Amino acid sequence: MSGLFDKKIFDDLRASREKWEQELKKAFDARPERLERFATVSDQEIERIYTPEQVRELDFQRDIGFPGQFPFTRGCQPSMYRGRLWTMRMFAGLGTAKDTNERFHHLVKAGQTGLSTAFDMPTLMGYDSDSPKARGECGKCGVAIDTLVDMEDLFEGLPIDRITTSMTINPPASVIWAMYIAVAENRGIDRRIIGGTIQNDMLKEFIAQKTFMCPPEPSVRVITDTVEFGTREVPRWNTISISGYHIREAGSTAVQELAFTLADGIAYTQAAVDRGLDVDDFAPRFSFFFNSHLDFFEEIAKFRAARRMWAKIMKERFSAKNPRSWWLRFHTQTAGCSLTAQQPYNNVVRTALEALAAVLGGTQSLHTNSLDEVLAIPTEEAATIALRTQQIIAEESGVGNTIDPLGGSFFVEALTNRMEEEAFEIIHKIDDMGGMLAAIERHYPQQEIADAAYHYQRQIDEGKRTVVGVNKYVTEEEIPVEVLEIDEELEKIQIEKTNRIKNERDQVRVRECLEQVGGACSGGGNVMEPVIAAVKAHATLQEVCDVYRRVFGEYRDPGIY
């Protein structure tokens, strides 16, 4: 018989279950179940108990296996955290580049092992701080980056040849990455040895986060340029971080996050293959970015299912031969949408549980949200507590002492199987539509997420789902929390700096470089070398992005509710 268990075990289980259910009925007659329905955060119904019956078809070698071996359910690396802990990569960005540089140094001193950069809204949208569209937003939700000088200030004194850097940027990702490469080369560091990640995932922007610049098709074309360039010139760089995080923050279920993220990965892989790239040349540098929400076991199952699904997709759909192409390496961030402004110190507990789920799910790097992030950019104290949360899990909890400690759990394995099955159903539906670009144009993922978000909020409003301190255990007392405020003078200082750089640069050289960027865009050439030349000549972020907008057009969201 296939599976882990033989027929006699199930015969014995039936008899034992019948006896247990009789005892259970007596218990519930005396004291009924405390909820009418038990379900995950994503509203997946949970059974009273899990036994071998729920995993009767499970095959150890096929479905679970060993870490570092196909299908990687238990982890990509053979040794996991017994060999090396996950990278502790705290997200940081505030005010000017020099302000954020100070925060970077503080976090590295506190024990952070990787850098992660948050950009302000104008930068995310491809506008300089002196743009009328940027008024009032400079440095407010991240760092303002207009020119190469800002990027140099951002990483001043930091060993970018020895520490990896993640940059959460999408429409202007190619420009920001070009600036980072230029910083390295201006320091005499070979681009081939720098390591890090640009998010560079525009499909999830159209689906969920909604920072836009150009339409979907040319956006994917520029992303493919970065993949091609990185494969050839910057081999240690992850040129896409395929992100489910923002899909979940927009209100998706865990299964939707899993399915839409992997469907985006399929679309990027196909685009690179269509460009003529060998899948085994670029796929090992793809990385992923997931949300870790509040339902502890659902999140663990999601991470395990994601690895197994991606391994199958790469091996069976794209015929990848290199085992590293089958790896799903991922960064995790705890769920910002789970944080509450009410009783904000409860957020420390929420974040700790979410971080623990990410670790038990086998993440490669982790950002833990600060207790005050729902209110403002985190203070140094709050960010340090969030980092210490990771360090306590790593050094004191013992959860990293054995690999995949929940592997073989009837509940976790059954939930992993169910998430894989349901996520593949969504992926097949997207395939039938013609792929993710076509699905986005039909507003399929957008509508599914909107419906899921509405359903979840209705459950909270009706008291069917508890949020501690919001709709249950509410107190009238306001708990004071120190909030970091950005000086309004910062915008003036940043604009003056940008204008000074514009006035002092070689204008003829800048014009020539921007024309070369435009030529690459319209002529089908790879944009990266011209963009690197442009930012080295001190062309601004917006000036390069304006070339993209002029050649490729601008995208307007249709607004799906």
Protein backbone atom coordinates (compact mmCIF):
# COMPACT_ATOMS: atom_id res chain seq x y z
CA MET A 1 0.00 0.00 0.00
CA SER A 2 1.29 3.48 -0.83
CA GLY A 3 1.73 6.05 1.92
CA LEU A 4 3.22 5.99 5.39
CA PHE A 5 0.65 3.70 6.99
CA ASP A 6 -0.78 0.26 6.24
CA LYS A 7 -4.47 -0.71 6.14
CA LYS A 8 -4.53 -2.25 9.62
CA ILE A 9 -3.58 1.07 11.19
CA PHE A 10 -6.65 2.72 9.64
CA ASP A 11 -8.91 -0.14 10.76
CA ASP A 12 -7.64 0.27 14.32
CA LEU A 13 -7.96 4.06 14.06
CA ARG A 14 -11.65 3.83 13.13
CA ALA A 15 -12.43 1.85 16.25
CA SER A 16 -10.37 4.17 18.44
CA ARG A 17 -11.95 7.25 16.88
CA GLU A 18 -15.49 5.94 17.50
CA LYS A 19 -14.67 5.40 21.18
CA TRP A 20 -13.07 8.86 21.46
CA GLU A 21 -16.03 10.55 19.76
CA GLN A 22 -18.41 8.99 22.31
CA GLU A 23 -16.33 10.46 25.12
CA LEU A 24 -16.12 13.74 23.24
CA LYS A 25 -19.91 13.96 22.95
CA LYS A 26 -20.23 13.63 26.71
CA ALA A 27 -17.65 16.36 27.21
CA PHE A 28 -19.43 18.74 24.82
CA ASP A 29 -22.80 17.96 26.38
CA ALA A 30 -21.35 19.24 29.64
CA ARG A 31 -19.48 22.13 28.05
CA PRO A 32 -20.08 22.99 24.35
CA GLU A 33 -17.27 23.96 22.00
CA ARG A 34 -16.29 27.57 22.56
CA LEU A 35 -16.80 28.50 18.89
CA GLU A 36 -19.41 27.48 16.35
CA ARG A 37 -16.67 27.09 13.74
CA PHE A 38 -12.90 26.85 14.02
CA ALA A 39 -10.95 28.25 11.07
CA THR A 40 -7.63 29.78 10.11
CA VAL A 41 -7.10 33.48 9.47
CA SER A 42 -7.81 32.66 5.82
CA ASP A 43 -11.10 31.03 6.87
CA GLN A 44 -9.96 27.46 6.16
CA GLU A 45 -12.00 25.18 8.42
CA ILE A 46 -9.94 23.22 10.96
CA GLU A 47 -10.95 19.75 12.08
CA ARG A 48 -11.11 18.78 15.75
CA ILE A 49 -8.15 16.43 15.52
CA TYR A 50 -5.71 15.23 12.87
CA THR A 51 -4.57 11.63 12.62
CA PRO A 52 -2.96 9.43 9.93
CA GLU A 53 -6.40 9.40 8.26
CA GLN A 54 -5.86 12.95 6.96
CA VAL A 55 -2.46 12.04 5.45
CA ARG A 56 -3.19 8.48 4.37
CA GLU A 57 -1.74 9.04 0.87
CA LEU A 58 1.39 10.79 2.15
CA ASP A 59 4.61 9.32 0.82
CA PHE A 60 7.66 10.31 2.88
CA GLN A 61 10.21 10.34 0.08
CA ARG A 62 7.87 11.96 -2.47
CA ASP A 63 6.14 14.54 -0.27
CA ILE A 64 8.36 15.26 2.75
CA GLY A 65 11.85 13.92 2.15
CA PHE A 66 15.04 15.42 3.54
CA PRO A 67 16.16 19.06 3.62
CA GLY A 68 18.30 20.00 0.66
CA GLN A 69 16.67 17.34 -1.50
CA PHE A 70 13.76 17.45 -3.93
CA PRO A 71 10.99 18.46 -3.31
CA PHE A 72 12.57 20.67 -0.58
CA THR A 73 9.47 20.61 1.64
CA ARG A 74 11.76 20.62 4.67
CA GLY A 75 14.16 23.31 3.46
CA CYS A 76 16.55 24.22 0.66
CA GLN A 77 19.83 23.72 2.51
CA PRO A 78 20.74 20.31 3.95
CA SER A 79 21.82 21.78 7.31
CA MET A 80 19.31 24.66 7.60
CA TYR A 81 19.81 26.57 10.88
CA ARG A 82 22.22 24.01 12.36
CA GLY A 83 24.71 25.33 9.83
CA ARG A 84 23.75 28.99 9.61
CA LEU A 85 20.97 31.10 11.07
CA TRP A 86 18.65 33.08 8.83
CA THR A 87 19.75 36.59 7.84
CA MET A 88 18.30 39.18 10.21
CA ARG A 89 17.43 41.93 7.78
CA MET A 90 15.55 44.82 9.40
CA PHE A 91 13.71 47.13 7.00
CA ALA A 92 14.86 50.74 7.44
CA GLY A 93 14.38 54.03 5.67
CA LEU A 94 13.60 57.50 6.90
CA GLY A 95 14.25 61.09 5.94
CA THR A 96 17.44 61.75 4.02
CA ALA A 97 20.06 59.24 2.98
CA LYS A 98 22.27 60.35 5.87
CA ASP A 99 19.42 59.80 8.36
CA THR A 100 18.90 56.26 7.10
CA ASN A 101 22.65 55.63 7.07
CA GLU A 102 22.67 56.36 10.80
CA ARG A 103 19.84 53.85 11.35
CA PHE A 104 21.73 51.24 9.29
CA HIS A 105 24.82 51.67 11.44
CA HIS A 106 22.72 51.40 14.62
CA LEU A 107 21.10 48.16 13.46
CA VAL A 108 24.38 46.60 12.31
CA LYS A 109 25.91 47.46 15.67
CA ALA A 110 22.88 45.83 17.36
CA GLY A 111 23.54 42.59 15.47
CA GLN A 112 21.64 42.88 12.19
CA THR A 113 23.26 40.73 9.52
CA GLY A 114 21.80 42.21 6.31
CA LEU A 115 20.59 45.61 5.12
CA SER A 116 17.06 46.27 3.89
CA THR A 117 16.05 49.62 2.43
CA ALA A 118 12.65 51.34 2.52
CA PHE A 119 12.16 54.23 0.08
CA ASP A 120 9.79 57.16 0.32
CA MET A 121 6.71 57.38 -1.91
CA PRO A 122 8.18 59.74 -4.56
CA THR A 123 11.18 57.42 -4.98
CA LEU A 124 8.89 54.38 -5.19
CA MET A 125 6.95 56.08 -7.98
CA GLY A 126 10.01 57.32 -9.89
CA TYR A 127 9.84 61.03 -8.97
CA ASP A 128 12.51 63.34 -7.55
CA SER A 129 11.96 65.27 -4.35
CA ASP A 130 11.64 68.55 -6.29
CA SER A 131 8.73 67.25 -8.38
CA PRO A 132 5.36 68.92 -7.69
CA LYS A 133 3.99 65.38 -7.33
CA ALA A 134 6.37 64.76 -4.42
CA ARG A 135 5.29 67.69 -2.24
CA GLY A 136 4.85 66.75 1.41
CA GLU A 137 6.06 63.17 0.97
CA CYS A 138 9.85 63.57 1.04
CA GLY A 139 11.36 61.08 3.49
CA LYS A 140 8.02 60.32 5.16
CA CYS A 141 7.62 56.57 4.61
CA GLY A 142 11.22 55.78 3.71
CA VAL A 143 14.41 57.36 2.43
CA ALA A 144 14.47 59.90 -0.41
CA ILE A 145 16.84 58.94 -3.26
CA ASP A 146 17.16 61.38 -6.17
CA THR A 147 20.75 61.01 -7.37
CA LEU A 148 23.86 58.87 -7.10
CA VAL A 149 25.10 61.19 -4.34
CA ASP A 150 22.12 60.14 -2.20
CA MET A 151 22.97 56.49 -2.77
CA GLU A 152 26.59 57.14 -1.81
CA ASP A 153 25.43 58.85 1.40
CA LEU A 154 23.03 55.98 2.13
CA PHE A 155 25.80 53.37 2.25
CA GLU A 156 28.63 55.52 3.58
CA GLY A 157 30.89 53.47 5.85
CA LEU A 158 29.04 50.21 5.25
CA PRO A 159 30.92 47.21 3.80
CA ILE A 160 28.76 46.56 0.74
CA ASP A 161 31.34 44.10 -0.58
CA ARG A 162 30.73 41.90 2.52
CA ILE A 163 27.12 42.55 3.53
CA THR A 164 24.08 41.91 1.35
CA THR A 165 21.54 44.66 0.69
CA SER A 166 17.86 44.33 -0.07
CA MET A 167 16.02 47.23 -1.72
CA THR A 168 12.22 47.26 -1.77
CA ILE A 169 11.68 49.12 -5.02
CA ASN A 170 9.61 48.24 -8.07
CA PRO A 171 8.83 50.66 -10.96
CA PRO A 172 12.27 52.34 -10.79
CA ALA A 173 14.11 49.21 -9.61
CA SER A 174 16.50 49.22 -12.59
CA VAL A 175 17.55 52.80 -11.79
CA ILE A 176 18.04 52.23 -8.06
CA TRP A 177 20.02 49.06 -8.79
CA ALA A 178 22.14 50.97 -11.33
CA MET A 179 22.93 53.52 -8.59
CA TYR A 180 23.99 50.76 -6.20
CA ILE A 181 26.25 49.20 -8.84
CA ALA A 182 27.71 52.65 -9.51
CA VAL A 183 28.42 53.18 -5.78
CA ALA A 184 30.29 49.88 -5.68
CA GLU A 185 32.30 50.61 -8.81
CA ASN A 186 33.15 54.14 -7.66
CA ARG A 187 34.62 52.50 -4.54
CA GLY A 188 36.64 50.11 -6.69
CA ILE A 189 34.42 47.11 -5.93
CA ASP A 190 33.81 44.72 -8.82
CA ARG A 191 30.10 44.44 -9.64
CA ARG A 192 30.52 40.68 -9.80
CA ILE A 193 31.09 40.34 -6.05
CA ILE A 194 28.28 42.52 -4.68
CA GLY A 195 25.29 40.64 -3.33
CA GLY A 196 21.74 41.56 -2.53
CA THR A 197 18.21 41.82 -3.87
CA ILE A 198 16.02 44.30 -5.69
CA GLN A 199 12.33 43.56 -5.33
CA ASN A 200 11.66 44.48 -8.97
CA ASP A 201 8.27 42.70 -9.00
CA MET A 202 5.81 44.77 -11.01
CA LEU A 203 3.16 42.09 -11.46
CA LYS A 204 2.31 42.19 -7.76
CA GLU A 205 2.13 45.99 -8.02
CA PHE A 206 -0.66 45.73 -10.58
CA ILE A 207 -2.31 43.10 -8.38
CA ALA A 208 -1.91 44.60 -4.92
CA GLN A 209 0.52 47.32 -3.83
CA LYS A 210 -0.28 49.81 -6.59
CA THR A 211 2.95 51.75 -7.15
CA PHE A 212 2.91 52.23 -10.91
CA MET A 213 4.89 53.74 -13.72
CA CYS A 214 4.56 51.94 -17.05
CA PRO A 215 2.00 49.39 -18.32
CA PRO A 216 2.40 45.67 -17.52
CA GLU A 217 4.02 44.45 -20.75
CA PRO A 218 6.91 46.96 -20.95
CA SER A 219 7.34 46.67 -17.18
CA VAL A 220 8.00 42.95 -17.55
CA ARG A 221 10.33 43.70 -20.46
CA VAL A 222 12.52 45.98 -18.26
CA ILE A 223 12.49 43.37 -15.50
CA THR A 224 13.69 40.79 -18.03
CA ASP A 225 16.50 43.21 -18.95
CA THR A 226 17.62 43.20 -15.31
CA VAL A 227 17.48 39.40 -15.17
CA GLU A 228 19.57 39.12 -18.33
CA PHE A 229 22.07 41.73 -17.15
CA GLY A 230 22.36 40.26 -13.65
CA THR A 231 22.91 36.76 -14.99
CA ARG A 232 25.76 38.03 -17.13
CA GLU A 233 27.29 40.83 -15.06
CA VAL A 234 26.20 40.65 -11.38
CA PRO A 235 25.94 36.90 -10.68
CA ARG A 236 25.55 37.17 -6.88
CA TRP A 237 22.52 39.45 -7.14
CA ASN A 238 18.88 38.39 -6.85
CA THR A 239 17.33 40.45 -9.64
CA ILE A 240 13.74 39.73 -8.61
CA SER A 241 12.20 39.15 -5.21
CA ILE A 242 8.86 37.71 -6.26
CA SER A 243 6.61 39.10 -3.60
CA GLY A 244 3.52 37.68 -1.97
CA TYR A 245 3.92 40.02 0.97
CA HIS A 246 1.95 42.91 -0.50
CA ILE A 247 -0.66 40.55 -1.92
CA ARG A 248 -1.34 39.38 1.63
CA GLU A 249 -1.23 42.93 3.02
CA ALA A 250 -3.93 43.85 0.49
CA GLY A 251 -6.21 41.27 2.07
CA SER A 252 -5.63 37.96 0.27
CA THR A 253 -5.90 34.58 1.92
CA ALA A 254 -2.79 32.49 2.49
CA VAL A 255 -3.69 30.26 -0.47
CA GLN A 256 -4.18 33.28 -2.74
CA GLU A 257 -0.85 34.73 -1.61
CA LEU A 258 0.83 31.43 -2.42
CA ALA A 259 -0.87 30.94 -5.79
CA PHE A 260 -0.56 34.49 -7.13
CA THR A 261 3.08 34.74 -6.04
CA LEU A 262 4.10 31.51 -7.78
CA ALA A 263 2.03 32.47 -10.84
CA ASP A 264 4.03 35.71 -11.00
CA GLY A 265 7.21 33.64 -10.76
CA ILE A 266 6.03 31.49 -13.66
CA ALA A 267 5.41 34.63 -15.73
CA TYR A 268 8.90 36.04 -15.07
CA THR A 269 10.54 32.70 -15.78
CA GLN A 270 8.66 32.36 -19.06
CA ALA A 271 9.61 35.92 -20.08
CA ALA A 272 13.30 35.19 -19.49
CA VAL A 273 13.08 31.87 -21.37
CA ASP A 274 11.34 33.67 -24.25
CA ARG A 275 14.25 36.15 -24.26
CA GLY A 276 16.52 33.17 -24.99
CA LEU A 277 18.03 32.70 -21.56
CA ASP A 278 18.73 29.22 -20.25
CA VAL A 279 16.54 28.60 -17.20
CA ASP A 280 19.45 27.15 -15.22
CA ASP A 281 21.49 30.29 -15.82
CA PHE A 282 19.03 32.69 -14.17
CA ALA A 283 16.56 30.71 -12.01
CA PRO A 284 19.01 30.06 -9.14
CA ARG A 285 19.06 33.83 -8.49
CA PHE A 286 15.28 34.22 -8.24
CA SER A 287 14.13 34.82 -4.70
CA PHE A 288 10.76 35.20 -3.03
CA PHE A 289 9.23 37.39 -0.34
CA PHE A 290 6.36 36.18 1.82
CA ASN A 291 4.15 37.53 4.57
CA SER A 292 4.02 35.76 7.92
CA HIS A 293 0.54 36.36 9.28
CA LEU A 294 -1.05 35.48 12.61
CA ASP A 295 -2.29 31.94 12.00
CA PHE A 296 0.74 30.05 13.21
CA PHE A 297 0.25 26.66 11.54
CA GLU A 298 -1.29 28.02 8.35
CA GLU A 299 1.82 30.11 7.73
CA ILE A 300 4.20 27.22 8.40
CA ALA A 301 2.22 25.04 5.99
CA LYS A 302 2.25 27.82 3.38
CA PHE A 303 6.04 28.10 3.42
CA ARG A 304 6.50 24.33 3.17
CA ALA A 305 3.95 24.08 0.34
CA ALA A 306 5.63 26.97 -1.51
CA ARG A 307 8.99 25.19 -1.61
CA ARG A 308 7.46 21.94 -2.81
CA MET A 309 5.33 23.65 -5.46
CA TRP A 310 8.17 25.75 -6.88
CA ALA A 311 10.47 22.71 -7.08
CA LYS A 312 7.82 20.88 -9.10
CA ILE A 313 7.13 23.91 -11.31
CA MET A 314 10.80 24.44 -12.17
CA LYS A 315 11.59 20.76 -12.69
CA GLU A 316 8.44 19.66 -14.51
CA ARG A 317 7.17 22.81 -16.25
CA PHE A 318 10.48 24.47 -17.18
CA SER A 319 12.71 21.35 -17.32
CA ALA A 320 15.35 22.95 -15.09
CA LYS A 321 18.25 20.57 -14.50
CA ASN A 322 20.21 22.41 -11.81
CA PRO A 323 18.84 21.59 -8.32
CA ARG A 324 19.49 25.21 -7.30
CA SER A 325 16.93 26.24 -9.93
CA TRP A 326 14.39 24.19 -7.98
CA TRP A 327 15.07 26.05 -4.73
CA LEU A 328 12.53 28.52 -3.44
CA ARG A 329 14.67 30.82 -1.30
CA PHE A 330 12.60 33.42 0.51
CA HIS A 331 12.66 36.43 2.78
CA THR A 332 9.83 36.89 5.26
CA GLN A 333 8.34 39.96 6.87
CA THR A 334 5.87 39.75 9.70
CA ALA A 335 2.39 41.00 8.84
CA GLY A 336 2.09 44.77 8.97
CA CYS A 337 -1.66 44.46 8.48
CA SER A 338 -1.94 42.46 11.72
CA LEU A 339 -0.60 45.33 13.83
CA THR A 340 -3.06 47.52 15.71
CA ALA A 341 -2.94 51.14 16.80
CA GLN A 342 -5.02 50.12 19.81
CA GLN A 343 -2.91 48.64 22.66
CA PRO A 344 0.23 48.83 20.48
CA TYR A 345 2.42 46.82 22.87
CA ASN A 346 0.33 43.78 21.91
CA ASN A 347 2.14 44.06 18.57
CA VAL A 348 5.34 42.75 20.16
CA VAL A 349 3.56 39.46 20.89
CA ARG A 350 1.97 39.30 17.42
CA THR A 351 5.34 39.87 15.76
CA ALA A 352 7.06 37.24 17.90
CA LEU A 353 4.50 34.57 16.92
CA GLU A 354 4.70 35.52 13.23
CA ALA A 355 8.51 35.46 13.33
CA LEU A 356 8.50 32.05 14.99
CA ALA A 357 6.20 30.72 12.26
CA ALA A 358 8.59 32.04 9.59
CA VAL A 359 11.53 30.31 11.27
CA LEU A 360 9.67 27.01 11.68
CA GLY A 361 8.69 27.37 8.02
CA GLY A 362 12.36 27.63 7.01
CA THR A 363 12.85 31.25 5.93
CA GLN A 364 16.27 32.39 4.65
CA SER A 365 15.96 35.92 6.00
CA LEU A 366 13.53 37.78 8.21
CA HIS A 367 12.30 41.27 9.06
CA THR A 368 10.30 41.70 12.25
CA ASN A 369 7.92 44.65 12.36
CA SER A 370 8.22 47.16 15.17
CA LEU A 371 5.39 47.74 17.62
CA ASP A 372 4.91 51.35 16.43
CA GLU A 373 4.94 50.67 12.68
CA VAL A 374 1.18 51.02 12.47
CA LEU A 375 1.63 54.60 13.71
CA ALA A 376 4.81 55.88 12.05
CA ILE A 377 8.34 55.01 10.97
CA PRO A 378 9.79 52.98 13.87
CA THR A 379 11.89 54.61 16.55
CA GLU A 380 15.34 53.17 17.22
CA GLU A 381 14.07 51.62 20.47
CA ALA A 382 11.12 49.89 18.76
CA ALA A 383 13.32 48.65 15.90
CA THR A 384 15.82 47.25 18.41
CA ILE A 385 13.07 45.35 20.27
CA ALA A 386 11.96 43.88 16.93
CA LEU A 387 15.52 42.78 16.16
CA ARG A 388 15.94 41.35 19.66
CA THR A 389 12.79 39.28 19.03
CA GLN A 390 14.61 37.48 16.23
CA GLN A 391 17.75 37.08 18.31
CA ILE A 392 15.83 35.52 21.22
CA ILE A 393 14.14 33.07 18.85
CA ALA A 394 17.55 32.23 17.35
CA GLU A 395 19.62 32.01 20.51
CA GLU A 396 17.23 31.06 23.32
CA SER A 397 14.18 29.20 22.02
CA GLY A 398 15.90 26.08 20.70
CA VAL A 399 13.72 25.95 17.57
CA GLY A 400 16.77 25.96 15.30
CA ASN A 401 18.34 22.94 16.94
CA THR A 402 16.66 20.45 14.62
CA ILE A 403 15.57 20.80 11.01
CA ASP A 404 11.86 21.19 10.22
CA PRO A 405 10.74 20.13 13.73
CA LEU A 406 7.06 20.06 12.68
CA GLY A 407 7.67 17.77 9.71
CA GLY A 408 5.47 14.68 10.04
CA SER A 409 2.85 16.45 12.14
CA PHE A 410 -0.51 15.12 10.95
CA PHE A 411 -1.96 18.63 11.10
CA VAL A 412 0.93 20.43 9.41
CA GLU A 413 1.28 17.83 6.65
CA ALA A 414 -2.47 17.78 5.97
CA LEU A 415 -2.56 21.59 5.87
CA THR A 416 0.52 21.69 3.60
CA ASN A 417 -1.12 19.26 1.18
CA ARG A 418 -4.39 21.21 1.14
CA MET A 419 -2.66 24.53 0.50
CA GLU A 420 -0.65 23.03 -2.36
CA GLU A 421 -3.75 21.51 -3.95
CA GLU A 422 -5.84 24.68 -3.71
CA ALA A 423 -2.99 26.95 -4.87
CA PHE A 424 -2.37 24.78 -7.93
CA GLU A 425 -6.07 25.03 -8.77
CA ILE A 426 -5.73 28.84 -8.91
CA ILE A 427 -2.54 28.60 -10.99
CA HIS A 428 -4.29 26.31 -13.49
CA LYS A 429 -7.13 28.83 -13.72
CA ILE A 430 -4.59 31.58 -14.48
CA ASP A 431 -2.95 29.35 -17.12
CA ASP A 432 -6.36 28.89 -18.75
CA MET A 433 -6.71 32.68 -18.95
CA GLY A 434 -3.41 32.90 -20.84
CA GLY A 435 -1.04 33.60 -17.94
CA MET A 436 -0.68 36.23 -15.26
CA LEU A 437 -0.51 39.26 -17.58
CA ALA A 438 -3.80 38.22 -19.15
CA ALA A 439 -5.31 37.49 -15.72
CA ILE A 440 -4.32 40.97 -14.50
CA GLU A 441 -5.89 42.56 -17.57
CA ARG A 442 -9.09 40.66 -16.73
CA HIS A 443 -8.77 41.88 -13.11
CA TYR A 444 -8.97 38.34 -11.80
CA PRO A 445 -6.41 38.46 -8.94
CA GLN A 446 -7.43 42.00 -8.00
CA GLN A 447 -11.08 41.00 -7.59
CA GLU A 448 -10.25 37.82 -5.69
CA ILE A 449 -8.13 39.77 -3.18
CA ALA A 450 -10.77 42.47 -2.79
CA ASP A 451 -13.43 39.84 -2.06
CA ALA A 452 -11.20 38.08 0.49
CA ALA A 453 -10.35 41.36 2.24
CA TYR A 454 -14.03 42.31 2.45
CA HIS A 455 -14.95 38.90 3.87
CA TYR A 456 -12.22 39.13 6.54
CA GLN A 457 -13.23 42.64 7.58
CA ARG A 458 -16.89 41.60 7.80
CA GLN A 459 -15.89 38.81 10.19
CA ILE A 460 -14.11 41.31 12.45
CA ASP A 461 -16.97 43.83 12.30
CA GLU A 462 -19.50 41.13 13.18
CA GLY A 463 -17.38 39.77 16.04
CA LYS A 464 -16.87 36.40 14.35
CA ARG A 465 -13.10 36.93 14.44
CA THR A 466 -11.29 38.37 17.42
CA VAL A 467 -8.67 41.10 17.25
CA VAL A 468 -7.46 41.65 20.79
CA GLY A 469 -7.82 45.26 21.85
CA VAL A 470 -9.96 46.14 18.82
CA ASN A 471 -13.21 44.18 19.07
CA LYS A 472 -12.52 42.24 22.28
CA TYR A 473 -10.69 43.04 25.52
CA VAL A 474 -11.02 46.71 24.67
CA THR A 475 -9.84 49.31 27.20
CA GLU A 476 -10.53 53.00 27.31
CA GLU A 477 -7.03 53.82 28.50
CA GLU A 478 -4.73 55.28 25.83
CA ILE A 479 -1.23 53.85 26.03
CA PRO A 480 1.37 56.50 25.12
CA VAL A 481 3.87 55.44 22.49
CA GLU A 482 6.76 57.58 21.33
CA VAL A 483 6.34 58.32 17.62
CA LEU A 484 9.16 59.31 15.26
CA GLU A 485 8.35 62.52 13.37
CA ILE A 486 10.14 63.63 10.21
CA ASP A 487 11.23 67.27 10.23
CA GLU A 488 9.31 69.26 7.60
CA GLU A 489 12.55 71.13 6.80
CA LEU A 490 13.96 67.90 5.40
CA GLU A 491 12.13 68.37 2.09
CA LYS A 492 13.69 71.80 1.55
CA ILE A 493 17.16 70.46 2.34
CA GLN A 494 16.74 67.50 -0.03
CA ILE A 495 15.44 69.70 -2.87
CA GLU A 496 18.36 72.11 -2.47
CA LYS A 497 20.81 69.19 -2.57
CA THR A 498 19.23 67.73 -5.72
CA ASN A 499 19.14 71.08 -7.49
CA ARG A 500 22.78 71.74 -6.61
CA ILE A 501 23.83 68.43 -8.15
CA LYS A 502 21.78 69.19 -11.28
CA ASN A 503 23.45 72.59 -11.66
CA GLU A 504 27.01 71.30 -11.18
CA ARG A 505 26.94 68.25 -13.46
CA ASP A 506 27.94 67.99 -17.14
CA GLN A 507 24.59 68.72 -18.81
CA VAL A 508 25.70 67.62 -22.26
CA ARG A 509 26.88 64.28 -20.89
CA VAL A 510 23.59 63.78 -19.02
CA ARG A 511 21.59 64.51 -22.18
CA GLU A 512 23.64 62.04 -24.20
CA CYS A 513 23.20 59.33 -21.58
CA LEU A 514 19.43 59.83 -21.39
CA GLU A 515 19.21 59.63 -25.18
CA GLN A 516 21.05 56.30 -25.01
CA VAL A 517 18.57 55.06 -22.40
CA GLY A 518 15.73 56.08 -24.71
CA GLY A 519 17.40 54.36 -27.64
CA ALA A 520 17.73 51.11 -25.67
CA CYS A 521 14.05 51.33 -24.65
CA SER A 522 12.71 51.97 -28.13
CA GLY A 523 15.22 49.78 -29.95
CA GLY A 524 14.85 46.71 -27.78
CA GLY A 525 18.34 46.83 -26.30
CA ASN A 526 19.11 46.02 -22.67
CA VAL A 527 18.60 49.19 -20.63
CA MET A 528 21.00 48.46 -17.77
CA GLU A 529 24.38 49.64 -19.13
CA PRO A 530 22.89 52.93 -20.44
CA VAL A 531 21.12 53.50 -17.11
CA ILE A 532 24.33 52.85 -15.15
CA ALA A 533 26.14 55.37 -17.37
CA ALA A 534 23.32 57.88 -16.86
CA VAL A 535 23.31 57.72 -13.07
CA LYS A 536 27.12 57.92 -13.01
CA ALA A 537 26.72 61.18 -14.94
CA HIS A 538 24.28 62.27 -12.17
CA ALA A 539 21.08 61.94 -14.13
CA THR A 540 18.36 61.86 -11.52
CA LEU A 541 15.98 59.02 -10.75
CA GLN A 542 13.06 60.91 -12.29
CA GLU A 543 14.95 61.87 -15.42
CA VAL A 544 15.61 58.21 -16.23
CA CYS A 545 12.07 57.21 -15.25
CA ASP A 546 10.65 60.01 -17.42
CA VAL A 547 12.41 58.37 -20.37
CA TYR A 548 10.64 55.11 -19.50
CA ARG A 549 7.30 56.93 -19.24
CA ARG A 550 7.84 58.72 -22.55
CA VAL A 551 8.78 55.56 -24.49
CA PHE A 552 6.56 52.99 -22.80
CA GLY A 553 3.63 55.12 -21.69
CA GLU A 554 2.08 55.46 -18.23
CA TYR A 555 -0.24 53.07 -16.45
CA ARG A 556 -3.52 54.11 -14.83
CA ASP A 557 -5.15 51.70 -12.40
CA PRO A 558 -8.72 50.80 -13.39
CA GLY A 559 -9.78 50.58 -9.74
CA ILE A 560 -11.25 47.16 -8.94
CA TYR A 561 -13.41 46.76 -5.83
